[in-house]
Structures are given as structure tokens and as C-alpha cells.
N, C-alpha and C. Protein backbone atom coordinates (compact mmCIF):
# COMPACT_ATOMS: atom_id res chain seq x y z
N MET A 1 23.75 -11.37 -21.27
CA MET A 1 22.78 -10.29 -21.37
C MET A 1 23.17 -9.19 -20.37
N ASN A 2 22.95 -7.98 -20.74
CA ASN A 2 23.30 -6.79 -19.98
C ASN A 2 22.49 -6.71 -18.68
N GLY A 3 23.17 -6.39 -17.56
CA GLY A 3 22.50 -6.27 -16.27
C GLY A 3 21.43 -5.20 -16.26
N ASN A 4 21.70 -4.08 -16.97
CA ASN A 4 20.71 -3.00 -17.02
C ASN A 4 19.45 -3.42 -17.77
N LEU A 5 19.63 -4.20 -18.83
CA LEU A 5 18.47 -4.69 -19.58
C LEU A 5 17.63 -5.62 -18.70
N LEU A 6 18.29 -6.51 -17.99
CA LEU A 6 17.57 -7.42 -17.09
C LEU A 6 16.87 -6.64 -15.98
N ALA A 7 17.49 -5.59 -15.47
CA ALA A 7 16.87 -4.75 -14.44
C ALA A 7 15.63 -4.06 -14.99
N ARG A 8 15.71 -3.59 -16.23
CA ARG A 8 14.54 -2.94 -16.85
C ARG A 8 13.39 -3.94 -17.01
N ILE A 9 13.71 -5.14 -17.43
CA ILE A 9 12.68 -6.17 -17.60
C ILE A 9 12.04 -6.49 -16.25
N ALA A 10 12.85 -6.60 -15.20
CA ALA A 10 12.32 -6.88 -13.87
C ALA A 10 11.43 -5.74 -13.38
N LYS A 11 11.81 -4.51 -13.69
CA LYS A 11 11.00 -3.36 -13.29
C LYS A 11 9.67 -3.34 -14.05
N LEU A 12 9.69 -3.72 -15.31
CA LEU A 12 8.43 -3.83 -16.07
C LEU A 12 7.53 -4.90 -15.44
N ALA A 13 8.14 -6.01 -15.04
CA ALA A 13 7.37 -7.06 -14.36
C ALA A 13 6.77 -6.52 -13.06
N ALA A 14 7.53 -5.70 -12.34
CA ALA A 14 7.03 -5.12 -11.09
C ALA A 14 5.81 -4.23 -11.36
N LEU A 15 5.85 -3.48 -12.45
CA LEU A 15 4.69 -2.64 -12.80
C LEU A 15 3.47 -3.50 -13.10
N PHE A 16 3.65 -4.61 -13.79
CA PHE A 16 2.52 -5.50 -14.09
C PHE A 16 1.97 -6.16 -12.82
N CYS A 17 2.81 -6.32 -11.81
CA CYS A 17 2.36 -6.93 -10.55
C CYS A 17 1.37 -6.04 -9.80
N PHE A 18 1.26 -4.78 -10.18
CA PHE A 18 0.26 -3.89 -9.57
C PHE A 18 -1.15 -4.32 -9.96
N LEU A 19 -1.28 -5.15 -10.97
CA LEU A 19 -2.59 -5.67 -11.39
C LEU A 19 -3.02 -6.87 -10.56
N LEU A 20 -2.11 -7.44 -9.79
CA LEU A 20 -2.41 -8.62 -8.96
C LEU A 20 -2.92 -8.20 -7.59
N PRO A 21 -3.56 -9.10 -6.85
CA PRO A 21 -4.02 -8.76 -5.49
C PRO A 21 -2.84 -8.42 -4.58
N TRP A 22 -2.95 -7.31 -3.89
CA TRP A 22 -1.90 -6.85 -2.98
C TRP A 22 -2.26 -7.08 -1.53
N VAL A 23 -3.53 -6.94 -1.19
CA VAL A 23 -3.92 -7.00 0.22
C VAL A 23 -5.33 -7.58 0.33
N THR A 24 -5.54 -8.32 1.43
CA THR A 24 -6.86 -8.84 1.78
C THR A 24 -7.13 -8.46 3.22
N VAL A 25 -8.33 -7.98 3.46
CA VAL A 25 -8.77 -7.67 4.82
C VAL A 25 -9.78 -8.75 5.21
N SER A 26 -9.52 -9.39 6.35
CA SER A 26 -10.42 -10.47 6.78
C SER A 26 -10.76 -10.29 8.25
N CYS A 27 -11.85 -10.93 8.62
CA CYS A 27 -12.30 -10.91 10.01
C CYS A 27 -12.64 -12.34 10.39
N SER A 28 -11.92 -12.87 11.34
CA SER A 28 -12.11 -14.26 11.79
C SER A 28 -12.06 -15.24 10.63
N GLY A 29 -11.15 -15.01 9.71
CA GLY A 29 -10.97 -15.91 8.58
C GLY A 29 -11.90 -15.66 7.41
N ASN A 30 -12.84 -14.73 7.52
CA ASN A 30 -13.75 -14.41 6.43
C ASN A 30 -13.28 -13.14 5.73
N GLU A 31 -13.10 -13.24 4.42
CA GLU A 31 -12.61 -12.10 3.66
C GLU A 31 -13.65 -10.99 3.64
N ILE A 32 -13.24 -9.79 4.05
CA ILE A 32 -14.11 -8.62 4.03
C ILE A 32 -13.92 -7.84 2.74
N ALA A 33 -12.65 -7.63 2.38
CA ALA A 33 -12.34 -6.87 1.18
C ALA A 33 -10.97 -7.27 0.66
N SER A 34 -10.74 -6.97 -0.61
CA SER A 34 -9.43 -7.21 -1.21
C SER A 34 -9.15 -6.10 -2.19
N ALA A 35 -7.86 -5.92 -2.50
CA ALA A 35 -7.49 -4.86 -3.44
C ALA A 35 -6.20 -5.21 -4.15
N THR A 36 -6.16 -4.86 -5.42
CA THR A 36 -4.92 -4.96 -6.20
C THR A 36 -4.12 -3.69 -5.95
N GLY A 37 -2.92 -3.63 -6.46
CA GLY A 37 -2.13 -2.41 -6.35
C GLY A 37 -2.81 -1.23 -7.02
N VAL A 38 -3.40 -1.48 -8.18
CA VAL A 38 -4.10 -0.42 -8.91
C VAL A 38 -5.31 0.06 -8.10
N GLN A 39 -6.05 -0.86 -7.49
CA GLN A 39 -7.20 -0.46 -6.68
C GLN A 39 -6.78 0.33 -5.45
N LEU A 40 -5.63 0.01 -4.87
CA LEU A 40 -5.13 0.80 -3.76
C LEU A 40 -4.74 2.20 -4.23
N MET A 41 -4.22 2.31 -5.45
CA MET A 41 -3.86 3.62 -5.99
C MET A 41 -5.09 4.48 -6.24
N THR A 42 -6.18 3.86 -6.66
CA THR A 42 -7.38 4.63 -7.00
C THR A 42 -8.37 4.73 -5.85
N GLY A 43 -8.16 3.95 -4.79
CA GLY A 43 -9.10 3.96 -3.67
C GLY A 43 -10.33 3.12 -3.93
N ASP A 44 -10.26 2.23 -4.91
CA ASP A 44 -11.39 1.40 -5.31
C ASP A 44 -11.26 0.00 -4.69
N VAL A 45 -11.28 -0.07 -3.36
CA VAL A 45 -11.16 -1.34 -2.65
C VAL A 45 -12.47 -2.10 -2.80
N GLN A 46 -12.36 -3.37 -3.19
CA GLN A 46 -13.55 -4.17 -3.47
C GLN A 46 -13.97 -5.00 -2.27
N PRO A 47 -15.22 -4.82 -1.81
CA PRO A 47 -15.71 -5.68 -0.73
C PRO A 47 -15.98 -7.08 -1.26
N ASN A 48 -15.97 -8.04 -0.35
CA ASN A 48 -16.31 -9.41 -0.71
C ASN A 48 -17.72 -9.40 -1.31
N PRO A 49 -17.92 -9.97 -2.50
CA PRO A 49 -19.23 -9.93 -3.14
C PRO A 49 -20.35 -10.53 -2.28
N ALA A 50 -20.06 -11.60 -1.55
CA ALA A 50 -21.10 -12.22 -0.71
C ALA A 50 -21.52 -11.26 0.40
N LEU A 51 -20.55 -10.57 1.01
CA LEU A 51 -20.89 -9.62 2.07
C LEU A 51 -21.63 -8.41 1.50
N ALA A 52 -21.24 -7.98 0.30
CA ALA A 52 -21.92 -6.85 -0.32
C ALA A 52 -23.37 -7.20 -0.63
N ASP A 53 -23.61 -8.44 -1.11
CA ASP A 53 -24.98 -8.87 -1.38
C ASP A 53 -25.81 -8.93 -0.11
N MET A 54 -25.21 -9.42 0.99
CA MET A 54 -25.93 -9.48 2.26
C MET A 54 -26.26 -8.07 2.75
N ALA A 55 -25.32 -7.14 2.59
CA ALA A 55 -25.55 -5.76 3.02
C ALA A 55 -26.67 -5.11 2.22
N ARG A 56 -26.68 -5.36 0.89
CA ARG A 56 -27.75 -4.80 0.06
C ARG A 56 -29.10 -5.41 0.43
N ALA A 57 -29.10 -6.71 0.73
CA ALA A 57 -30.34 -7.38 1.11
C ALA A 57 -30.90 -6.82 2.42
N SER A 58 -29.99 -6.38 3.30
CA SER A 58 -30.45 -5.83 4.58
C SER A 58 -30.76 -4.34 4.48
N GLY A 59 -30.61 -3.76 3.27
CA GLY A 59 -30.95 -2.36 3.07
C GLY A 59 -29.79 -1.42 3.21
N ASP A 60 -28.58 -1.92 3.45
CA ASP A 60 -27.40 -1.07 3.59
C ASP A 60 -26.84 -0.81 2.20
N THR A 61 -26.90 0.44 1.76
CA THR A 61 -26.41 0.78 0.43
C THR A 61 -25.09 1.54 0.48
N ALA A 62 -24.47 1.61 1.64
CA ALA A 62 -23.22 2.34 1.78
C ALA A 62 -22.10 1.62 1.03
N GLU A 63 -21.33 2.40 0.31
CA GLU A 63 -20.17 1.85 -0.40
C GLU A 63 -18.94 2.03 0.48
N PRO A 64 -17.97 1.13 0.38
CA PRO A 64 -16.75 1.32 1.16
C PRO A 64 -16.03 2.58 0.71
N ASN A 65 -15.56 3.35 1.66
CA ASN A 65 -14.90 4.60 1.32
C ASN A 65 -13.42 4.48 1.66
N ALA A 66 -12.66 4.11 0.66
CA ALA A 66 -11.21 4.02 0.83
C ALA A 66 -10.57 5.16 0.07
N ASP A 67 -9.60 5.79 0.69
CA ASP A 67 -8.86 6.85 0.02
C ASP A 67 -7.74 6.22 -0.79
N PRO A 68 -7.34 6.87 -1.88
CA PRO A 68 -6.17 6.38 -2.61
C PRO A 68 -4.95 6.35 -1.70
N ASN A 69 -4.15 5.29 -1.82
CA ASN A 69 -2.97 5.14 -0.98
C ASN A 69 -1.80 5.85 -1.66
N ALA A 70 -1.37 6.96 -1.06
CA ALA A 70 -0.31 7.78 -1.64
C ALA A 70 1.00 7.02 -1.78
N PHE A 71 1.26 6.07 -0.89
CA PHE A 71 2.52 5.33 -0.94
C PHE A 71 2.53 4.34 -2.11
N VAL A 72 1.39 3.77 -2.45
CA VAL A 72 1.32 2.88 -3.62
C VAL A 72 1.49 3.71 -4.89
N ILE A 73 0.85 4.88 -4.91
CA ILE A 73 1.01 5.77 -6.06
C ILE A 73 2.48 6.17 -6.21
N ALA A 74 3.11 6.52 -5.11
CA ALA A 74 4.52 6.92 -5.14
C ALA A 74 5.41 5.76 -5.60
N ALA A 75 5.13 4.54 -5.13
CA ALA A 75 5.93 3.38 -5.55
C ALA A 75 5.82 3.17 -7.05
N PHE A 76 4.60 3.23 -7.58
CA PHE A 76 4.39 3.06 -9.02
C PHE A 76 5.13 4.15 -9.79
N ALA A 77 5.02 5.40 -9.32
CA ALA A 77 5.67 6.52 -9.99
C ALA A 77 7.19 6.39 -9.96
N VAL A 78 7.74 5.94 -8.84
CA VAL A 78 9.19 5.78 -8.72
C VAL A 78 9.69 4.69 -9.67
N ILE A 79 8.94 3.61 -9.78
CA ILE A 79 9.33 2.54 -10.72
C ILE A 79 9.32 3.07 -12.14
N ALA A 80 8.23 3.75 -12.51
CA ALA A 80 8.12 4.29 -13.87
C ALA A 80 9.20 5.35 -14.13
N LEU A 81 9.45 6.21 -13.16
CA LEU A 81 10.47 7.24 -13.32
C LEU A 81 11.86 6.61 -13.46
N GLY A 82 12.14 5.56 -12.69
CA GLY A 82 13.42 4.87 -12.81
C GLY A 82 13.60 4.27 -14.19
N LEU A 83 12.53 3.69 -14.73
CA LEU A 83 12.60 3.14 -16.09
C LEU A 83 12.84 4.23 -17.11
N LEU A 84 12.13 5.33 -16.96
CA LEU A 84 12.26 6.45 -17.89
C LEU A 84 13.68 7.03 -17.84
N MET A 85 14.18 7.24 -16.62
CA MET A 85 15.54 7.78 -16.49
C MET A 85 16.58 6.83 -17.10
N SER A 86 16.39 5.54 -16.89
CA SER A 86 17.36 4.58 -17.42
C SER A 86 17.34 4.52 -18.94
N ALA A 87 16.22 4.94 -19.54
CA ALA A 87 16.15 4.97 -21.00
C ALA A 87 17.00 6.09 -21.58
N PHE A 88 17.19 7.17 -20.82
CA PHE A 88 17.96 8.30 -21.29
C PHE A 88 19.42 8.28 -20.83
N LEU A 89 19.69 7.49 -19.79
CA LEU A 89 21.04 7.39 -19.27
C LEU A 89 21.70 6.13 -19.82
N ARG A 90 23.01 6.05 -19.74
CA ARG A 90 23.73 4.89 -20.22
C ARG A 90 24.66 4.36 -19.14
N GLY A 91 24.99 3.10 -19.24
CA GLY A 91 26.01 2.47 -18.41
C GLY A 91 25.73 2.56 -16.92
N ARG A 92 26.74 3.02 -16.20
CA ARG A 92 26.65 3.07 -14.75
C ARG A 92 25.60 4.07 -14.26
N ALA A 93 25.41 5.15 -14.97
CA ALA A 93 24.40 6.13 -14.58
C ALA A 93 23.01 5.50 -14.65
N ALA A 94 22.74 4.74 -15.70
CA ALA A 94 21.46 4.04 -15.83
C ALA A 94 21.30 3.00 -14.74
N ALA A 95 22.38 2.27 -14.46
CA ALA A 95 22.34 1.25 -13.41
C ALA A 95 22.07 1.89 -12.05
N GLY A 96 22.69 3.04 -11.80
CA GLY A 96 22.45 3.75 -10.54
C GLY A 96 21.01 4.20 -10.40
N ALA A 97 20.44 4.72 -11.48
CA ALA A 97 19.04 5.14 -11.46
C ALA A 97 18.11 3.95 -11.23
N LEU A 98 18.42 2.83 -11.90
CA LEU A 98 17.61 1.62 -11.73
C LEU A 98 17.71 1.10 -10.30
N LEU A 99 18.91 1.09 -9.75
CA LEU A 99 19.11 0.59 -8.38
C LEU A 99 18.41 1.48 -7.37
N ALA A 100 18.62 2.78 -7.46
CA ALA A 100 18.02 3.71 -6.49
C ALA A 100 16.50 3.66 -6.55
N SER A 101 15.95 3.66 -7.75
CA SER A 101 14.49 3.65 -7.86
C SER A 101 13.90 2.31 -7.42
N SER A 102 14.61 1.22 -7.65
CA SER A 102 14.12 -0.09 -7.20
C SER A 102 14.08 -0.18 -5.68
N LEU A 103 15.15 0.28 -5.04
CA LEU A 103 15.20 0.22 -3.58
C LEU A 103 14.15 1.14 -2.95
N LEU A 104 14.01 2.33 -3.50
CA LEU A 104 13.00 3.26 -2.99
C LEU A 104 11.59 2.70 -3.19
N ALA A 105 11.33 2.13 -4.35
CA ALA A 105 10.01 1.56 -4.64
C ALA A 105 9.71 0.37 -3.72
N MET A 106 10.74 -0.43 -3.41
CA MET A 106 10.53 -1.54 -2.48
C MET A 106 10.08 -1.01 -1.11
N GLY A 107 10.75 -0.01 -0.62
CA GLY A 107 10.39 0.57 0.66
C GLY A 107 9.00 1.16 0.65
N LEU A 108 8.67 1.90 -0.40
CA LEU A 108 7.34 2.50 -0.51
C LEU A 108 6.24 1.44 -0.61
N SER A 109 6.50 0.39 -1.38
CA SER A 109 5.50 -0.67 -1.54
C SER A 109 5.22 -1.36 -0.21
N TYR A 110 6.28 -1.70 0.50
CA TYR A 110 6.08 -2.38 1.78
C TYR A 110 5.40 -1.45 2.78
N TYR A 111 5.83 -0.21 2.82
CA TYR A 111 5.24 0.74 3.77
C TYR A 111 3.78 1.02 3.46
N SER A 112 3.40 0.92 2.19
CA SER A 112 2.00 1.17 1.82
C SER A 112 1.06 0.20 2.53
N ILE A 113 1.48 -1.04 2.69
CA ILE A 113 0.64 -2.02 3.39
C ILE A 113 0.58 -1.69 4.87
N GLN A 114 1.66 -1.14 5.40
CA GLN A 114 1.64 -0.73 6.80
C GLN A 114 0.64 0.41 7.01
N THR A 115 0.50 1.28 6.01
CA THR A 115 -0.49 2.36 6.14
C THR A 115 -1.91 1.80 6.09
N VAL A 116 -2.12 0.72 5.32
CA VAL A 116 -3.44 0.07 5.31
C VAL A 116 -3.72 -0.52 6.69
N ARG A 117 -2.70 -1.16 7.28
CA ARG A 117 -2.86 -1.71 8.63
C ARG A 117 -3.18 -0.60 9.64
N ASP A 118 -2.46 0.52 9.52
CA ASP A 118 -2.69 1.64 10.43
C ASP A 118 -4.11 2.18 10.30
N ALA A 119 -4.61 2.25 9.06
CA ALA A 119 -5.98 2.72 8.84
C ALA A 119 -6.98 1.77 9.48
N MET A 120 -6.73 0.46 9.34
CA MET A 120 -7.63 -0.53 9.96
C MET A 120 -7.55 -0.45 11.48
N THR A 121 -6.36 -0.25 12.03
CA THR A 121 -6.19 -0.11 13.47
C THR A 121 -6.91 1.13 13.97
N ASP A 122 -6.82 2.21 13.19
CA ASP A 122 -7.52 3.45 13.56
C ASP A 122 -9.02 3.23 13.58
N ARG A 123 -9.54 2.55 12.57
CA ARG A 123 -10.98 2.26 12.54
C ARG A 123 -11.37 1.36 13.72
N ALA A 124 -10.50 0.41 14.02
CA ALA A 124 -10.79 -0.50 15.15
C ALA A 124 -10.80 0.27 16.46
N SER A 125 -9.87 1.20 16.63
CA SER A 125 -9.84 1.96 17.88
C SER A 125 -11.05 2.87 18.00
N ARG A 126 -11.53 3.40 16.86
CA ARG A 126 -12.76 4.20 16.90
C ARG A 126 -13.95 3.34 17.27
N ALA A 127 -13.95 2.10 16.77
CA ALA A 127 -15.04 1.19 17.11
C ALA A 127 -14.98 0.82 18.59
N GLN A 128 -13.77 0.70 19.12
CA GLN A 128 -13.62 0.37 20.54
C GLN A 128 -14.03 1.53 21.43
N ASP A 129 -13.91 2.75 20.90
CA ASP A 129 -14.35 3.91 21.67
C ASP A 129 -15.86 3.89 21.86
N ALA A 130 -16.54 3.32 20.89
CA ALA A 130 -17.99 3.15 21.05
C ALA A 130 -18.21 2.11 22.14
N ALA A 131 -19.26 2.25 22.87
CA ALA A 131 -19.50 1.35 24.01
C ALA A 131 -20.16 0.06 23.58
N ASN A 132 -19.89 -0.38 22.37
CA ASN A 132 -20.52 -1.56 21.82
C ASN A 132 -19.55 -2.74 21.91
N ASP A 133 -19.87 -3.74 22.71
CA ASP A 133 -19.00 -4.90 22.89
C ASP A 133 -18.81 -5.68 21.60
N PHE A 134 -19.87 -5.77 20.79
CA PHE A 134 -19.77 -6.50 19.53
C PHE A 134 -18.77 -5.80 18.60
N ALA A 135 -18.83 -4.48 18.52
CA ALA A 135 -17.91 -3.73 17.67
C ALA A 135 -16.47 -3.93 18.14
N ARG A 136 -16.25 -3.99 19.43
CA ARG A 136 -14.91 -4.23 19.97
C ARG A 136 -14.40 -5.61 19.58
N ALA A 137 -15.27 -6.60 19.68
CA ALA A 137 -14.87 -7.97 19.33
C ALA A 137 -14.53 -8.08 17.85
N VAL A 138 -15.35 -7.46 17.01
CA VAL A 138 -15.10 -7.50 15.57
C VAL A 138 -13.81 -6.76 15.24
N ALA A 139 -13.60 -5.61 15.84
CA ALA A 139 -12.40 -4.81 15.56
C ALA A 139 -11.14 -5.58 15.93
N GLY A 140 -11.18 -6.35 16.98
CA GLY A 140 -10.02 -7.13 17.38
C GLY A 140 -9.73 -8.31 16.48
N ALA A 141 -10.71 -8.74 15.71
CA ALA A 141 -10.54 -9.92 14.84
C ALA A 141 -10.16 -9.55 13.41
N VAL A 142 -10.09 -8.27 13.07
CA VAL A 142 -9.79 -7.85 11.71
C VAL A 142 -8.29 -7.98 11.45
N ARG A 143 -7.95 -8.58 10.30
CA ARG A 143 -6.56 -8.80 9.91
C ARG A 143 -6.33 -8.27 8.49
N VAL A 144 -5.17 -7.67 8.30
CA VAL A 144 -4.75 -7.22 6.97
C VAL A 144 -3.60 -8.13 6.55
N GLU A 145 -3.78 -8.81 5.42
CA GLU A 145 -2.80 -9.79 4.96
C GLU A 145 -2.27 -9.41 3.59
N GLU A 146 -0.95 -9.48 3.45
CA GLU A 146 -0.32 -9.23 2.16
C GLU A 146 -0.64 -10.40 1.23
N GLN A 147 -0.80 -10.08 -0.05
CA GLN A 147 -1.11 -11.10 -1.04
C GLN A 147 0.01 -11.19 -2.07
N GLU A 148 -0.14 -12.13 -3.00
CA GLU A 148 0.93 -12.46 -3.94
C GLU A 148 1.35 -11.29 -4.82
N GLY A 149 0.47 -10.37 -5.12
CA GLY A 149 0.85 -9.22 -5.94
C GLY A 149 1.91 -8.36 -5.29
N LEU A 150 1.77 -8.12 -3.99
CA LEU A 150 2.77 -7.34 -3.27
C LEU A 150 4.10 -8.09 -3.24
N TRP A 151 4.03 -9.39 -2.91
CA TRP A 151 5.27 -10.17 -2.83
C TRP A 151 5.94 -10.29 -4.19
N ALA A 152 5.16 -10.44 -5.26
CA ALA A 152 5.73 -10.51 -6.60
C ALA A 152 6.37 -9.17 -6.98
N THR A 153 5.72 -8.06 -6.60
CA THR A 153 6.29 -6.74 -6.86
C THR A 153 7.62 -6.58 -6.14
N LEU A 154 7.64 -6.95 -4.86
CA LEU A 154 8.88 -6.83 -4.09
C LEU A 154 9.98 -7.73 -4.66
N PHE A 155 9.61 -8.93 -5.08
CA PHE A 155 10.58 -9.86 -5.66
C PHE A 155 11.14 -9.30 -6.97
N ALA A 156 10.26 -8.78 -7.82
CA ALA A 156 10.71 -8.22 -9.10
C ALA A 156 11.63 -7.02 -8.86
N LEU A 157 11.29 -6.20 -7.87
CA LEU A 157 12.13 -5.04 -7.56
C LEU A 157 13.47 -5.48 -6.96
N ALA A 158 13.47 -6.55 -6.17
CA ALA A 158 14.72 -7.07 -5.62
C ALA A 158 15.60 -7.60 -6.77
N LEU A 159 14.99 -8.30 -7.72
CA LEU A 159 15.74 -8.76 -8.89
C LEU A 159 16.30 -7.58 -9.67
N ALA A 160 15.47 -6.56 -9.86
CA ALA A 160 15.93 -5.37 -10.58
C ALA A 160 17.12 -4.74 -9.86
N SER A 161 17.07 -4.73 -8.53
CA SER A 161 18.17 -4.17 -7.75
C SER A 161 19.45 -4.98 -7.95
N VAL A 162 19.33 -6.29 -7.93
CA VAL A 162 20.50 -7.16 -8.12
C VAL A 162 21.08 -6.96 -9.51
N PHE A 163 20.22 -6.95 -10.52
CA PHE A 163 20.71 -6.78 -11.90
C PHE A 163 21.31 -5.38 -12.09
N ALA A 164 20.71 -4.37 -11.47
CA ALA A 164 21.27 -3.02 -11.57
C ALA A 164 22.62 -2.96 -10.87
N LEU A 165 22.74 -3.65 -9.76
CA LEU A 165 24.02 -3.69 -9.05
C LEU A 165 25.08 -4.38 -9.90
N VAL A 166 24.69 -5.44 -10.60
CA VAL A 166 25.61 -6.11 -11.53
C VAL A 166 26.03 -5.12 -12.62
N GLY A 167 25.08 -4.38 -13.17
CA GLY A 167 25.40 -3.38 -14.18
C GLY A 167 26.27 -2.27 -13.64
N LEU A 168 26.08 -1.94 -12.38
CA LEU A 168 26.85 -0.87 -11.75
C LEU A 168 28.29 -1.28 -11.48
N THR A 169 28.49 -2.55 -11.16
CA THR A 169 29.83 -3.02 -10.78
C THR A 169 30.57 -3.73 -11.91
N ALA A 170 29.95 -3.85 -13.06
CA ALA A 170 30.61 -4.52 -14.19
C ALA A 170 31.84 -3.75 -14.62
N ARG A 171 32.93 -4.47 -14.85
CA ARG A 171 34.20 -3.84 -15.23
C ARG A 171 34.13 -3.18 -16.60
N ASP A 172 33.41 -3.84 -17.50
CA ASP A 172 33.40 -3.32 -18.86
C ASP A 172 32.22 -2.41 -19.13
N ALA A 173 31.55 -1.94 -18.07
CA ALA A 173 30.41 -1.05 -18.27
C ALA A 173 30.89 0.27 -18.82
N PRO A 174 30.24 0.77 -19.88
CA PRO A 174 30.63 2.07 -20.41
C PRO A 174 30.30 3.18 -19.41
N ARG A 175 31.10 4.21 -19.44
CA ARG A 175 30.91 5.31 -18.47
C ARG A 175 30.01 6.35 -19.00
């Protein structure tokens, strides 16, 4: 089977992995919120249903305000653009487009979680600026953890990179 075809299939799998959970935010082992890749793109981060019910019961009607993550959007767009370009290009040119877009998307995907961590750290530092000891303790216990969707996306993109590299270095690849 052609390396470019396998790279395209792996990139399609990477796009589907955006539907899986990418990140979980927890505090002292209790899940606060989770988000899929698509939810990170749209800014629709879902709070833990049990915590949301407790907040509503206590009269708190505030919704979580997450901004769309530009790096997740960029990663998705780079994957899609790489697939589109490879559909119009042939041989080594297609393999090069697949390889470049896979590597760039891997970097953007991983960095997107770092931006989530930075946002949580920023919120924690603002809470620490408040003279509230409880807020400081809670801020220090918040953790951002990568989930299987992110790892599956990175794995699919790594496979796409390997298959594209095979297509790029194949002796009988058409020019």
C-alpha cells in the first residue's frame, strides 16, 4: 500500500480524535471540567455535572467562560489543509505536504494543552493575589491532565509523518 495513502488515512484518524477527550482539569483528584478537541476549539468546556448541580443548588448560575483555543483550531486547520493539499499534489510533493502538516499539527496540538495550563496558572496566580487562604490552597491543587484524545491525535499524526516520510523517500515514487 502507498505511503501517502496510509498517511492520509492516519490524518483522517487524527481529525476524528478531536471528538475524544483531550484535557481534564481536576482539583485534589476531583474532576472540575473536561473538554474534547472540538470543545477546546469552540470554547465549550464542560464542567463536571455533579459540581454544576451543586453550584446551581447553591444559587450560582455562572457558566464557565472558556475562550476558544486558537492553537487547537490551528492544529485542526493544518491537518485539514495538509489533506486537501495532498489531494491535489502527487508523489513526493504530496508526501512533503503530508509530512510538513503532520509535524506542524503535532506541535500545535501539544502546545495547545500548554496554553490551557498557562491559563489555569494565570487564574491560580490571580486567586493567590486575593488575600484568601482557601483560594490559594485550591489554586495550588488544580491540575491539567492530557487525555486519550490528545495522545491518539499525536499518535495518528506521528504515524502520518512516518508514512509520509516513507512516501517521500520511496525510490519508485513518481515525481
